[in-house]
Structures are given as structure tokens and as C-alpha cells.
Protein backbone atom coordinates (compact mmCIF):
# COMPACT_ATOMS: atom_id res chain seq x y z
CA UNK A 1 0.00 0.00 0.00
CA UNK A 2 2.74 2.45 0.87
CA UNK A 3 4.57 1.80 -2.39
CA UNK A 4 1.35 2.36 -4.32
CA UNK A 5 0.78 5.70 -2.58
CA UNK A 6 4.40 6.80 -3.05
CA UNK A 7 4.27 5.89 -6.75
CA UNK A 8 1.06 7.90 -7.20
CA UNK A 9 2.62 10.97 -5.59
CA UNK A 10 6.00 10.65 -7.29
CA UNK A 11 4.55 10.02 -10.75
CA UNK A 12 2.25 13.05 -10.60
CA UNK A 13 4.81 15.36 -8.97
CA UNK A 14 6.34 16.48 -12.27
CA UNK A 15 3.16 16.54 -14.35
CA UNK A 16 3.38 20.21 -15.32
CA UNK A 17 7.11 20.26 -15.95
CA UNK A 18 7.42 17.03 -17.97
CA UNK A 19 4.24 17.50 -20.02
CA UNK A 20 4.43 21.23 -20.72
CA UNK A 21 4.19 20.71 -24.51
CA UNK A 22 0.94 18.79 -24.14
CA UNK A 23 -0.52 21.47 -21.89
CA UNK A 24 0.71 24.17 -24.26
CA UNK A 25 -1.23 22.62 -27.16
CA UNK A 26 -4.39 22.45 -25.06
CA UNK A 27 -5.49 19.15 -26.63
CA UNK A 28 -6.43 17.36 -23.41
CA UNK A 29 -8.09 18.54 -20.19
CA UNK A 30 -5.41 19.43 -17.68
CA UNK A 31 -6.31 16.79 -15.09
CA UNK A 32 -5.91 14.02 -17.67
CA UNK A 33 -2.15 13.79 -17.12
CA UNK A 34 -2.16 13.38 -13.32
CA UNK A 35 -5.04 10.90 -13.50
CA UNK A 36 -3.18 8.89 -16.15
CA UNK A 37 -0.13 8.76 -13.90
CA UNK A 38 -2.23 7.44 -11.02
CA UNK A 39 -3.85 4.85 -13.28
CA UNK A 40 -0.39 3.71 -14.37
CA UNK A 41 0.51 3.29 -10.70
CA UNK A 42 -2.71 1.31 -10.25
CA UNK A 43 -1.65 -1.10 -13.00
CA UNK A 44 1.72 -1.57 -11.30
CA UNK A 45 -0.05 -2.14 -7.99
CA UNK A 46 -2.33 -4.70 -9.65
CA UNK A 47 0.68 -6.69 -10.84
CA UNK A 48 2.23 -6.53 -7.38
CA UNK A 49 -1.10 -7.51 -5.80
CA UNK A 50 -1.34 -10.61 -8.00
CA UNK A 51 2.15 -11.68 -6.89
CA UNK A 52 1.23 -10.97 -3.27
CA UNK A 53 -1.96 -13.00 -3.66
CA UNK A 54 -0.04 -15.98 -5.05
CA UNK A 55 2.28 -16.00 -2.06
CA UNK A 56 -0.64 -15.40 0.31
CA UNK A 57 -2.54 -18.41 -1.09
CA UNK A 58 0.60 -20.54 -0.76
CA UNK A 59 1.12 -19.54 2.89
CA UNK A 60 -2.60 -19.95 3.62
CA UNK A 61 -2.58 -23.45 2.09
CA UNK A 62 0.50 -24.53 4.03
CA UNK A 63 -0.95 -23.37 7.35
CA UNK A 64 1.67 -20.72 8.04
CA UNK A 65 -0.62 -18.62 10.21
CA UNK A 66 -2.03 -16.39 7.47
CA UNK A 67 -5.76 -16.02 7.99
CA UNK A 68 -8.73 -14.90 5.93
CA UNK A 69 -10.91 -12.19 7.46
CA UNK A 70 -13.93 -10.24 6.27
CA UNK A 71 -11.76 -7.14 6.11
CA UNK A 72 -10.81 -8.36 2.65
CA UNK A 73 -14.12 -6.85 1.46
CA UNK A 74 -12.75 -3.42 2.35
CA UNK A 75 -9.61 -3.77 0.21
CA UNK A 76 -11.13 -2.30 -3.01
CA UNK A 77 -12.29 0.74 -1.04
CA UNK A 78 -8.88 1.08 0.57
CA UNK A 79 -7.20 0.93 -2.84
CA UNK A 80 -9.57 3.61 -4.11
CA UNK A 81 -8.88 5.81 -1.08
CA UNK A 82 -5.11 5.43 -1.44
CA UNK A 83 -5.41 6.21 -5.15
CA UNK A 84 -7.41 9.40 -4.45
CA UNK A 85 -5.06 10.42 -1.64
CA UNK A 86 -2.05 9.89 -3.91
CA UNK A 87 -3.77 11.87 -6.67
CA UNK A 88 -4.60 14.75 -4.31
CA UNK A 89 -1.14 14.98 -2.76
CA UNK A 90 0.50 14.48 -6.16
CA UNK A 91 -1.55 17.28 -7.71
CA UNK A 92 -0.62 19.60 -4.84
CA UNK A 93 3.07 18.78 -5.28
CA UNK A 94 2.77 19.12 -9.07
CA UNK A 95 1.17 22.53 -8.73
CA UNK A 96 3.83 23.74 -6.33
CA UNK A 97 6.61 22.29 -8.50
CA UNK A 98 5.92 24.90 -11.17
CA UNK A 99 7.31 27.51 -8.79
CA UNK A 100 9.58 25.40 -6.57
CA UNK A 101 11.31 22.92 -8.92
CA UNK A 102 13.21 21.00 -6.26
CA UNK A 103 10.05 20.13 -4.36
CA UNK A 104 9.44 17.05 -6.52
CA UNK A 105 12.95 15.77 -5.73
CA UNK A 106 12.44 16.37 -2.01
CA UNK A 107 9.10 14.53 -2.06
CA UNK A 108 10.59 11.58 -3.96
CA UNK A 109 13.46 11.28 -1.47
CA UNK A 110 11.10 11.63 1.47
CA UNK A 111 8.88 8.85 0.14
CA UNK A 112 11.90 6.58 -0.27
CA UNK A 113 13.18 7.31 3.25
CA UNK A 114 9.82 7.04 4.98
CA UNK A 115 10.24 3.33 5.66
CA UNK A 116 11.96 4.17 8.96
CA UNK A 117 8.88 5.90 10.40
CA UNK A 118 6.21 3.38 11.38
CA UNK A 119 2.94 3.67 9.48
CA UNK A 120 1.45 0.76 11.36
CA UNK A 121 -0.36 1.57 14.54
CA UNK A 122 0.25 -1.97 15.74
CA UNK A 123 4.04 -1.38 15.50
CA UNK A 124 3.93 1.22 18.28
CA UNK A 125 3.63 0.10 21.89
CA UNK A 126 0.89 2.19 23.49
CA UNK A 127 2.38 2.01 26.98
CA UNK A 128 5.88 3.20 26.16
CA UNK A 129 5.40 5.98 23.61
CA UNK A 130 1.88 7.48 23.62
CA UNK A 131 3.07 10.59 21.76
CA UNK A 132 4.46 8.46 18.93
CA UNK A 133 1.19 6.57 18.76
CA UNK A 134 -0.67 9.86 18.23
CA UNK A 135 1.79 10.89 15.52
CA UNK A 136 1.33 7.59 13.72
CA UNK A 137 -2.46 8.03 13.86
CA UNK A 138 -2.08 11.48 12.24
CA UNK A 139 -0.51 9.88 9.17
CA UNK A 140 -3.42 9.46 6.71
CA UNK A 141 -1.84 6.27 5.34
CA UNK A 142 -1.89 4.49 8.71
CA UNK A 143 -5.52 3.41 8.48
CA UNK A 144 -5.35 2.02 4.91
CA UNK A 145 -2.20 0.07 5.77
CA UNK A 146 -3.77 -1.31 8.95
CA UNK A 147 -6.94 -2.32 7.09
CA UNK A 148 -4.87 -4.04 4.40
CA UNK A 149 -2.86 -5.88 7.07
CA UNK A 150 -6.07 -6.90 8.82
CA UNK A 151 -7.55 -8.14 5.54
CA UNK A 152 -4.55 -10.15 4.38
CA UNK A 153 -2.69 -11.13 7.54
CA UNK A 154 -5.41 -11.06 10.18
CA UNK A 155 -3.38 -8.70 12.38
CA UNK A 156 -3.50 -4.97 12.78
CA UNK A 157 -5.09 -2.17 14.72
CA UNK A 158 -8.05 -0.60 12.95
CA UNK A 159 -9.70 2.33 14.73
CA UNK A 160 -12.79 4.27 13.74
CA UNK A 161 -10.88 7.52 14.36
CA UNK A 162 -8.20 6.38 11.92
CA UNK A 163 -10.70 5.48 9.21
CA UNK A 164 -12.66 8.74 9.50
CA UNK A 165 -9.52 10.87 9.77
CA UNK A 166 -7.99 9.21 6.71
CA UNK A 167 -11.15 9.71 4.65
CA UNK A 168 -11.45 13.38 5.66
CA UNK A 169 -7.77 13.99 4.92
CA UNK A 170 -8.13 12.29 1.52
CA UNK A 171 -11.15 14.41 0.59
CA UNK A 172 -9.42 17.60 1.73
CA UNK A 173 -6.21 16.80 -0.18
CA UNK A 174 -8.15 15.97 -3.34
CA UNK A 175 -10.26 19.15 -3.20
CA UNK A 176 -7.26 21.33 -2.36
CA UNK A 177 -5.26 19.68 -5.12
CA UNK A 178 -7.92 20.21 -7.78
CA UNK A 179 -8.47 23.85 -6.74
CA UNK A 180 -4.73 24.57 -6.68
CA UNK A 181 -4.21 22.73 -9.98
CA UNK A 182 -6.95 24.70 -11.72
CA UNK A 183 -5.48 28.01 -10.51
CA UNK A 184 -1.92 27.12 -11.49
CA UNK A 185 -3.03 25.68 -14.83
CA UNK A 186 -3.99 29.12 -16.12
CA UNK A 187 -0.57 30.67 -15.49
CA UNK A 188 1.91 27.81 -15.32
CA UNK A 189 3.28 28.30 -18.85
CA UNK A 190 4.87 31.54 -17.64
CA UNK A 191 6.87 29.70 -14.96
CA UNK A 192 7.65 26.37 -16.67
């Protein structure tokens, strides 16, 4: 899930800069390019998910402790949410990249280094570090990752606060991204 989100953000981060000729011609609606980048990431995720499913079925069949839960029904919604969150954040970064060129590089490096910070609520001991637990819950990707872990591994910590917070953050990022993108779209050819 994290790789899917990071790919969505990274692939859309340079949309204005790398596709300036297409925008200049005005052939396609402006949001076509970021959406196409997210759909490309979805295809990559689909291939990875098939490989994951093959290994999951093998471990399930051999009795290695992998369990099937009803959370698996939530996986398509989680994928959709992660896709929309990646699109929203990617559009925001893409819009800001027209003025601050190095922002896309910083975001790409941050996404690659973020494996050190736990995104799983279950990875943080509540008794020892309550402040870290709150910080992990403020990451909008924590809830989708926990739901995916619950669906495929049968372990995880899914909270209603996490689900609602993640959905609200996704909607806000998507709306902010589209508004910012539409404003930048009108004047970006002057800065690119």
C-alpha cells in the first residue's frame, strides 16, 4: 500500500514540468495527465497484488498462520482511497513544482526514506510511547495500511478515528489539489 501511494505521488509530482508541450497545445483537459499517472501506478499495484496474492494463497494453504478475514471486502475501497489520496497529494506537489522545482525531488526522497517511520499503529507500543502513537495516527496512510494488514494477515489495529480521519484527509487533499491545480493551470506556462 505504501509503495502504491508513493508511486502515485511521485509520478504526478512532475506533471506540469514534464508535459508542458501537451498542456501548451491544449489538446487534453489538464487533469488528464495526473489521472493517467495514477492509473499507471494502479496497473503496477495490480501486478504486485497478483504476486502478493499468489504468495498469500501458498502460505494460507501450508498453514503458516495467514488467515482470511472479512476485512478483505474493504480492500477495493482502501485501494480507491489510497489512489485518491495519492492523486490529491500528487496534484498539490505538481502545482507547487511549477514555482519550486526542487520540491518534486524532495518529495521523492522523502517517500523513499519514509520506511523508517512506522505507518502501522500496531508497530507502536501504546504504553511506552503514547506521543508516537498519536503521531502515527495522524498519518493518513496508517488506516489504509492497517486495514490491508487486517484483511490479508489477520493482524492490525483498525480504529474508527483512523478510518474517519484518513477519509477526511483524503477528501481535503483531493479538493485542495484540484483547486490549486486549476489556478496554477492558467498561469503555469509563464513559470515552466
